[in-house]
Amino acid sequence: MRRCILTLLLLVSICCSLSAQFRSTRNDVSGNSGNNTTVTGPPGAEMNNNAAKDTTAVTDTLQGFSLKRLIRGYARRDTLTPGYMALGTAIVPGAAQIYNRDYWKVPVIYAGIGAGIYGGIWSNRQWHATGETKYKYMRAAGYAAAGAFYWAQLLDGAVCYKTDFRAPVPAKSTIYSILLPGLGQANNGDWWKIPIWTGGLVACGYFYHFNDMQYKRFRWITQVGNDSSSGYVGKITVSQAETYRDIYRRYRDYTILATILVYALNVIDANVFAYMADFDVNDNIASLEVQPTLIQPLTPQYTWYDTSSYYTSFASPVFGVNVQFSF
């Protein structure tokens, strides 16, 4: 069981690392910035070094979560990334629809969530008062309807988020795969992967159901066999039932871990291949160029001296070969 817990923690850490996809990276080049980054050349290249000092680079890398930025974005004073928008609408349902200016959807969302919760509470009271099984199923249906409306508004916010890029946006593909496994692959154009991930999750669900059913079966045999007043007589002894009970419980736990692993890999796959969608993968991606050139010395002049005088000499360019490999 300790191995299961350690494996689960590892998978959670991998999934949490995807939060970097909801951050923004921006590179600005400005000659008037206060933070100057000097690019130095090789030793002896003083002229190139002086020219590089006039260039500054200001990099705003991987900004963390900012509540102020989130509020400014929903107030239409800043642009929100898909990750920020999804986080905001997860906290406040309907916030993404407001940001996307689909105002008519907000009352529909709250009406659906409110009706589902009210129906679940009312059915729960009726079930406890009457004991009728139908109210138990109505309670589950009400809460499921509320959850469906909540899930739909998250997905709708990501789908209706408008971008100017033709290539898939990694954050949107990640959100799609989190909400509906396989949808991120569809957004990336990798349709052939959808049966793989959905089939993997369906298989995990089947094996979980089978192992859980067998576990409950042998647990019941163990409970009945340990009760002296039950008069249990069967082909399976109590000790055998305990062994099978523990085995199927372990298999059931492994199936849960397998489900988490398949789900996490589905999200990672959608994210990684969205980043790689605009990579150049043609047959001429690698090339080798060889051409003659003049090699300039690193130190164009040098000085030495003896006990009587100084000597200065100038180094001349030499003929060589320039080899350039692109990949």
Protein backbone atom coordinates (compact mmCIF):
# COMPACT_ATOMS: atom_id res chain seq x y z
CA MET A 1 0.00 0.00 0.00
CA ARG A 2 2.95 2.31 0.66
CA ARG A 3 4.07 1.85 -2.92
CA CYS A 4 0.60 2.86 -4.12
CA ILE A 5 0.70 6.05 -2.03
CA LEU A 6 4.20 6.96 -3.25
CA THR A 7 3.19 6.36 -6.86
CA LEU A 8 0.08 8.51 -6.41
CA LEU A 9 2.14 11.36 -4.95
CA LEU A 10 4.53 11.15 -7.88
CA LEU A 11 1.69 11.38 -10.40
CA VAL A 12 0.19 14.33 -8.54
CA SER A 13 3.54 16.14 -8.67
CA ILE A 14 3.72 15.55 -12.43
CA CYS A 15 0.23 16.93 -12.93
CA CYS A 16 0.98 19.96 -10.74
CA SER A 17 4.01 20.72 -12.90
CA LEU A 18 1.56 21.44 -15.72
CA SER A 19 0.54 24.61 -13.88
CA ALA A 20 3.47 26.24 -15.71
CA GLN A 21 1.33 26.09 -18.84
CA PHE A 22 -1.06 28.59 -17.26
CA ARG A 23 1.69 31.15 -16.83
CA SER A 24 2.82 33.65 -19.42
CA THR A 25 6.22 34.20 -20.98
CA ARG A 26 6.96 37.49 -22.69
CA ASN A 27 10.21 38.76 -24.17
CA ASP A 28 10.49 42.52 -24.72
CA VAL A 29 13.48 44.28 -26.25
CA SER A 30 13.87 47.92 -25.41
CA GLY A 31 16.79 50.31 -25.49
CA ASN A 32 15.43 52.46 -22.67
CA SER A 33 14.98 49.86 -19.97
CA GLY A 34 16.66 50.14 -16.63
CA ASN A 35 17.69 46.50 -16.52
CA ASN A 36 20.53 46.14 -19.02
CA THR A 37 21.90 42.83 -20.18
CA THR A 38 25.27 43.18 -21.92
CA VAL A 39 26.14 40.62 -24.54
CA THR A 40 29.91 40.19 -24.66
CA GLY A 41 31.81 38.83 -27.62
CA PRO A 42 34.97 36.72 -27.72
CA PRO A 43 38.21 38.05 -26.21
CA GLY A 44 39.70 40.80 -28.33
CA ALA A 45 36.43 41.75 -30.08
CA GLU A 46 36.22 45.17 -28.46
CA MET A 47 34.23 46.79 -31.25
CA ASN A 48 31.58 44.10 -31.22
CA ASN A 49 31.45 44.31 -27.45
CA ASN A 50 30.82 48.06 -27.50
CA ALA A 51 28.05 47.62 -30.03
CA ALA A 52 26.44 44.93 -27.90
CA LYS A 53 26.35 47.25 -24.90
CA ASP A 54 23.73 49.36 -26.65
CA THR A 55 21.31 46.43 -26.76
CA THR A 56 19.22 45.57 -23.71
CA ALA A 57 16.91 42.69 -23.12
CA VAL A 58 14.18 42.63 -20.53
CA THR A 59 12.60 39.24 -19.96
CA ASP A 60 9.49 38.63 -17.91
CA THR A 61 9.63 34.87 -17.35
CA LEU A 62 7.03 32.50 -15.91
CA GLN A 63 4.97 34.87 -13.85
CA GLY A 64 3.23 33.26 -10.92
CA PHE A 65 -0.44 33.56 -10.07
CA SER A 66 -1.62 37.11 -9.50
CA LEU A 67 -5.09 37.83 -8.13
CA LYS A 68 -4.72 41.44 -9.21
CA ARG A 69 -4.09 40.39 -12.81
CA LEU A 70 -7.06 38.04 -12.68
CA ILE A 71 -9.37 40.84 -11.51
CA ARG A 72 -7.97 43.27 -14.08
CA GLY A 73 -8.56 40.72 -16.82
CA TYR A 74 -12.20 40.20 -15.94
CA ALA A 75 -12.59 43.96 -15.74
CA ARG A 76 -11.38 44.06 -19.40
CA ARG A 77 -8.27 46.05 -18.39
CA ASP A 78 -5.86 43.25 -19.26
CA THR A 79 -5.73 40.18 -21.48
CA LEU A 80 -6.13 36.83 -19.74
CA THR A 81 -4.45 33.64 -20.87
CA PRO A 82 -6.65 30.52 -21.20
CA GLY A 83 -5.22 29.17 -17.95
CA TYR A 84 -6.05 32.30 -15.97
CA MET A 85 -9.53 32.37 -17.47
CA ALA A 86 -10.12 28.70 -16.58
CA LEU A 87 -8.93 29.31 -13.02
CA GLY A 88 -11.26 32.27 -12.64
CA THR A 89 -14.33 30.45 -13.96
CA ALA A 90 -13.52 27.45 -11.73
CA ILE A 91 -13.76 29.77 -8.72
CA VAL A 92 -16.69 31.85 -9.98
CA PRO A 93 -18.93 29.96 -12.46
CA GLY A 94 -19.79 32.07 -15.47
CA ALA A 95 -16.73 34.30 -15.23
CA ALA A 96 -15.31 32.95 -18.50
CA GLN A 97 -18.58 33.69 -20.28
CA ILE A 98 -18.40 37.27 -19.02
CA TYR A 99 -14.82 37.58 -20.28
CA ASN A 100 -15.85 36.13 -23.66
CA ARG A 101 -18.85 38.51 -23.67
CA ASP A 102 -21.38 35.69 -23.83
CA TYR A 103 -23.51 37.34 -21.15
CA TRP A 104 -26.69 35.43 -22.01
CA LYS A 105 -25.05 32.17 -20.90
CA VAL A 106 -24.52 33.31 -17.30
CA PRO A 107 -28.18 33.04 -16.13
CA VAL A 108 -28.48 29.67 -17.91
CA ILE A 109 -25.45 28.35 -16.01
CA TYR A 110 -26.66 29.52 -12.61
CA ALA A 111 -30.20 28.32 -13.28
CA GLY A 112 -28.92 24.84 -14.18
CA ILE A 113 -26.53 24.58 -11.22
CA GLY A 114 -29.11 25.96 -8.80
CA ALA A 115 -31.89 23.68 -10.04
CA GLY A 116 -29.65 20.62 -9.79
CA ILE A 117 -28.56 21.42 -6.24
CA TYR A 118 -32.13 22.20 -5.14
CA GLY A 119 -33.44 18.98 -6.70
CA GLY A 120 -30.71 16.97 -4.98
CA ILE A 121 -31.43 18.50 -1.55
CA TRP A 122 -35.20 18.06 -1.92
CA SER A 123 -34.83 14.44 -3.05
CA ASN A 124 -32.49 13.72 -0.17
CA ARG A 125 -35.06 14.96 2.32
CA GLN A 126 -37.77 12.88 0.70
CA TRP A 127 -35.58 9.78 0.75
CA HIS A 128 -34.87 10.14 4.46
CA ALA A 129 -38.55 10.83 5.18
CA THR A 130 -40.08 8.02 3.11
CA GLY A 131 -37.23 5.60 2.49
CA GLU A 132 -38.29 5.15 -1.13
CA THR A 133 -35.45 4.18 -3.45
CA LYS A 134 -36.61 6.44 -6.28
CA TYR A 135 -35.73 9.54 -4.27
CA LYS A 136 -32.22 8.20 -3.80
CA TYR A 137 -31.75 8.03 -7.56
CA MET A 138 -33.39 11.43 -8.00
CA ARG A 139 -30.91 12.88 -5.50
CA ALA A 140 -27.98 11.47 -7.48
CA ALA A 141 -29.50 12.77 -10.73
CA GLY A 142 -29.92 16.29 -9.30
CA TYR A 143 -26.33 16.53 -8.07
CA ALA A 144 -25.10 15.07 -11.37
CA ALA A 145 -27.02 17.71 -13.31
CA ALA A 146 -25.46 20.49 -11.22
CA GLY A 147 -22.02 19.02 -11.82
CA ALA A 148 -22.72 18.73 -15.55
CA PHE A 149 -23.63 22.42 -15.80
CA TYR A 150 -20.49 23.35 -13.86
CA TRP A 151 -18.32 21.18 -16.13
CA ALA A 152 -20.03 22.53 -19.28
CA GLN A 153 -19.34 26.15 -18.37
CA LEU A 154 -15.64 25.34 -17.88
CA LEU A 155 -15.45 23.68 -21.30
CA ASP A 156 -17.51 26.41 -22.96
CA GLY A 157 -15.19 29.10 -21.60
CA ALA A 158 -12.13 27.38 -23.09
CA VAL A 159 -13.82 26.68 -26.44
CA CYS A 160 -15.09 30.24 -26.90
CA TYR A 161 -11.74 31.81 -25.95
CA LYS A 162 -10.57 33.54 -29.13
CA THR A 163 -6.93 33.48 -30.23
CA ASP A 164 -5.12 34.85 -33.26
CA PHE A 165 -2.92 31.78 -33.69
CA ARG A 166 -3.56 29.12 -36.30
CA ALA A 167 -1.46 26.55 -34.44
CA PRO A 168 -3.04 24.89 -31.37
CA VAL A 169 -2.64 26.83 -28.14
CA PRO A 170 -0.98 24.53 -25.55
CA ALA A 171 -3.02 25.91 -22.66
CA LYS A 172 -6.31 25.27 -24.47
CA SER A 173 -5.28 21.73 -25.44
CA THR A 174 -4.32 21.06 -21.83
CA ILE A 175 -7.66 22.33 -20.51
CA TYR A 176 -9.52 20.27 -23.11
CA SER A 177 -7.74 17.06 -22.06
CA ILE A 178 -8.32 17.79 -18.38
CA LEU A 179 -12.04 18.27 -18.90
CA LEU A 180 -12.55 15.57 -21.54
CA PRO A 181 -9.72 13.09 -22.28
CA GLY A 182 -9.03 12.95 -26.00
CA LEU A 183 -10.44 16.40 -26.76
CA GLY A 184 -7.00 17.99 -26.51
CA GLN A 185 -5.69 15.52 -29.10
CA ALA A 186 -8.62 16.45 -31.35
CA ASN A 187 -7.68 20.13 -30.97
CA ASN A 188 -4.11 19.26 -32.00
CA GLY A 189 -5.35 17.31 -35.03
CA ASP A 190 -4.15 13.96 -33.63
CA TRP A 191 -7.46 12.18 -34.12
CA TRP A 192 -5.86 8.73 -34.23
CA LYS A 193 -4.83 9.09 -30.57
CA ILE A 194 -8.40 9.46 -29.28
CA PRO A 195 -9.20 5.70 -29.32
CA ILE A 196 -5.94 5.00 -27.48
CA TRP A 197 -6.66 7.27 -24.51
CA THR A 198 -10.39 6.65 -24.33
CA GLY A 199 -9.82 2.90 -24.71
CA GLY A 200 -7.22 2.98 -21.94
CA LEU A 201 -9.60 4.75 -19.56
CA VAL A 202 -12.47 2.40 -20.45
CA ALA A 203 -10.22 -0.63 -19.82
CA CYS A 204 -9.16 0.81 -16.46
CA GLY A 205 -12.80 1.35 -15.55
CA TYR A 206 -13.70 -2.23 -16.50
CA PHE A 207 -10.88 -3.77 -14.45
CA TYR A 208 -11.74 -1.55 -11.49
CA HIS A 209 -15.34 -2.74 -11.58
CA PHE A 210 -14.30 -6.40 -11.88
CA ASN A 211 -11.73 -6.27 -9.08
CA ASP A 212 -14.06 -4.29 -6.81
CA MET A 213 -16.86 -6.81 -7.39
CA GLN A 214 -14.57 -9.74 -6.53
CA TYR A 215 -13.23 -7.91 -3.49
CA LYS A 216 -16.72 -7.30 -2.12
CA ARG A 217 -17.65 -10.94 -2.82
CA PHE A 218 -14.77 -12.42 -0.81
CA ARG A 219 -15.17 -9.79 1.89
CA TRP A 220 -18.76 -10.96 2.37
CA ILE A 221 -17.61 -14.58 2.55
CA THR A 222 -15.05 -13.60 5.18
CA GLN A 223 -17.62 -11.76 7.27
CA VAL A 224 -20.14 -14.59 7.07
CA GLY A 225 -17.51 -17.27 7.73
CA ASN A 226 -16.26 -15.52 10.86
CA ASP A 227 -19.81 -15.39 12.24
CA SER A 228 -20.34 -18.64 14.12
CA SER A 229 -24.13 -18.22 14.08
CA SER A 230 -24.35 -17.97 10.28
CA GLY A 231 -23.68 -21.66 9.69
CA TYR A 232 -21.66 -20.91 6.56
CA VAL A 233 -20.76 -24.01 4.53
CA GLY A 234 -18.99 -23.46 1.22
CA LYS A 235 -16.20 -24.64 -1.01
CA ILE A 236 -14.03 -21.65 -0.08
CA THR A 237 -12.69 -21.56 3.46
CA VAL A 238 -12.43 -18.39 5.50
CA SER A 239 -8.63 -18.28 5.18
CA GLN A 240 -8.86 -18.66 1.40
CA ALA A 241 -11.50 -15.94 1.23
CA GLU A 242 -9.26 -13.59 3.23
CA THR A 243 -6.38 -14.24 0.82
CA TYR A 244 -8.53 -13.59 -2.26
CA ARG A 245 -10.04 -10.52 -0.59
CA ASP A 246 -6.61 -8.97 -0.07
CA ILE A 247 -5.47 -9.88 -3.60
CA TYR A 248 -8.44 -8.28 -5.33
CA ARG A 249 -8.27 -5.24 -3.08
CA ARG A 250 -4.62 -4.79 -4.13
CA TYR A 251 -5.57 -5.21 -7.80
CA ARG A 252 -8.31 -2.64 -7.38
CA ASP A 253 -5.85 -0.14 -5.91
CA TYR A 254 -3.42 -0.77 -8.77
CA THR A 255 -6.25 -0.12 -11.21
CA ILE A 256 -6.90 3.26 -9.60
CA LEU A 257 -3.23 4.17 -10.00
CA ALA A 258 -3.30 2.98 -13.62
CA THR A 259 -6.32 5.19 -14.29
CA ILE A 260 -4.55 8.23 -12.82
CA LEU A 261 -1.45 7.44 -14.91
CA VAL A 262 -3.42 7.13 -18.18
CA TYR A 263 -5.30 10.35 -17.42
CA ALA A 264 -2.08 12.24 -16.62
CA LEU A 265 -0.33 10.95 -19.76
CA ASN A 266 -3.32 12.03 -21.81
CA VAL A 267 -2.97 15.59 -20.49
CA ILE A 268 0.81 15.63 -20.96
CA ASP A 269 0.51 14.29 -24.51
CA ALA A 270 -1.97 17.02 -25.49
CA ASN A 271 0.24 19.72 -23.99
CA VAL A 272 3.54 18.55 -25.50
CA PHE A 273 2.23 17.96 -29.01
CA ALA A 274 0.46 21.32 -28.99
CA TYR A 275 3.85 22.93 -28.42
CA MET A 276 5.32 20.83 -31.23
CA ALA A 277 2.53 21.60 -33.70
CA ASP A 278 4.44 24.44 -35.38
CA PHE A 279 7.84 22.71 -35.38
CA ASP A 280 9.56 22.24 -38.75
CA VAL A 281 9.57 18.49 -39.39
CA ASN A 282 10.22 18.39 -43.14
CA ASP A 283 12.79 16.10 -44.74
CA ASN A 284 15.34 18.92 -45.08
CA ILE A 285 15.29 19.80 -41.40
CA ALA A 286 19.01 18.93 -41.09
CA SER A 287 21.59 20.42 -43.44
CA LEU A 288 25.36 20.68 -43.63
CA GLU A 289 27.09 23.63 -45.30
CA VAL A 290 30.85 23.76 -46.01
CA GLN A 291 32.37 26.86 -47.57
CA PRO A 292 35.75 28.64 -47.62
CA THR A 293 36.16 31.70 -45.44
CA LEU A 294 38.66 34.08 -43.90
CA ILE A 295 39.12 33.60 -40.18
CA GLN A 296 39.66 36.83 -38.30
CA PRO A 297 42.04 36.61 -35.33
CA LEU A 298 40.55 37.06 -31.89
CA THR A 299 43.34 39.50 -30.97
CA PRO A 300 44.20 41.71 -33.94
CA GLN A 301 47.32 43.09 -32.30
CA TYR A 302 49.62 42.12 -29.50
CA THR A 303 52.60 43.77 -27.78
CA TRP A 304 55.72 42.43 -26.18
CA TYR A 305 58.81 44.07 -24.84
CA ASP A 306 62.38 43.35 -23.76
CA THR A 307 64.73 45.31 -21.58
CA SER A 308 65.29 48.00 -24.21
CA SER A 309 62.08 48.63 -26.15
CA TYR A 310 58.47 47.63 -26.95
CA TYR A 311 57.39 45.74 -30.06
CA THR A 312 53.95 45.72 -31.62
CA SER A 313 52.77 43.24 -34.26
CA PHE A 314 49.47 42.90 -36.14
CA ALA A 315 47.95 39.49 -36.88
CA SER A 316 46.51 38.96 -40.37
CA PRO A 317 43.37 36.96 -41.32
CA VAL A 318 44.01 33.37 -42.34
CA PHE A 319 42.28 31.17 -44.90
CA GLY A 320 40.05 28.42 -43.50
CA VAL A 321 36.86 26.43 -43.93
CA ASN A 322 33.50 27.30 -42.35
CA VAL A 323 31.33 24.28 -41.47
CA GLN A 324 27.70 24.99 -40.45
CA PHE A 325 25.31 22.27 -39.35
CA SER A 326 21.61 23.13 -38.95
CA PHE A 327 19.08 20.87 -37.23
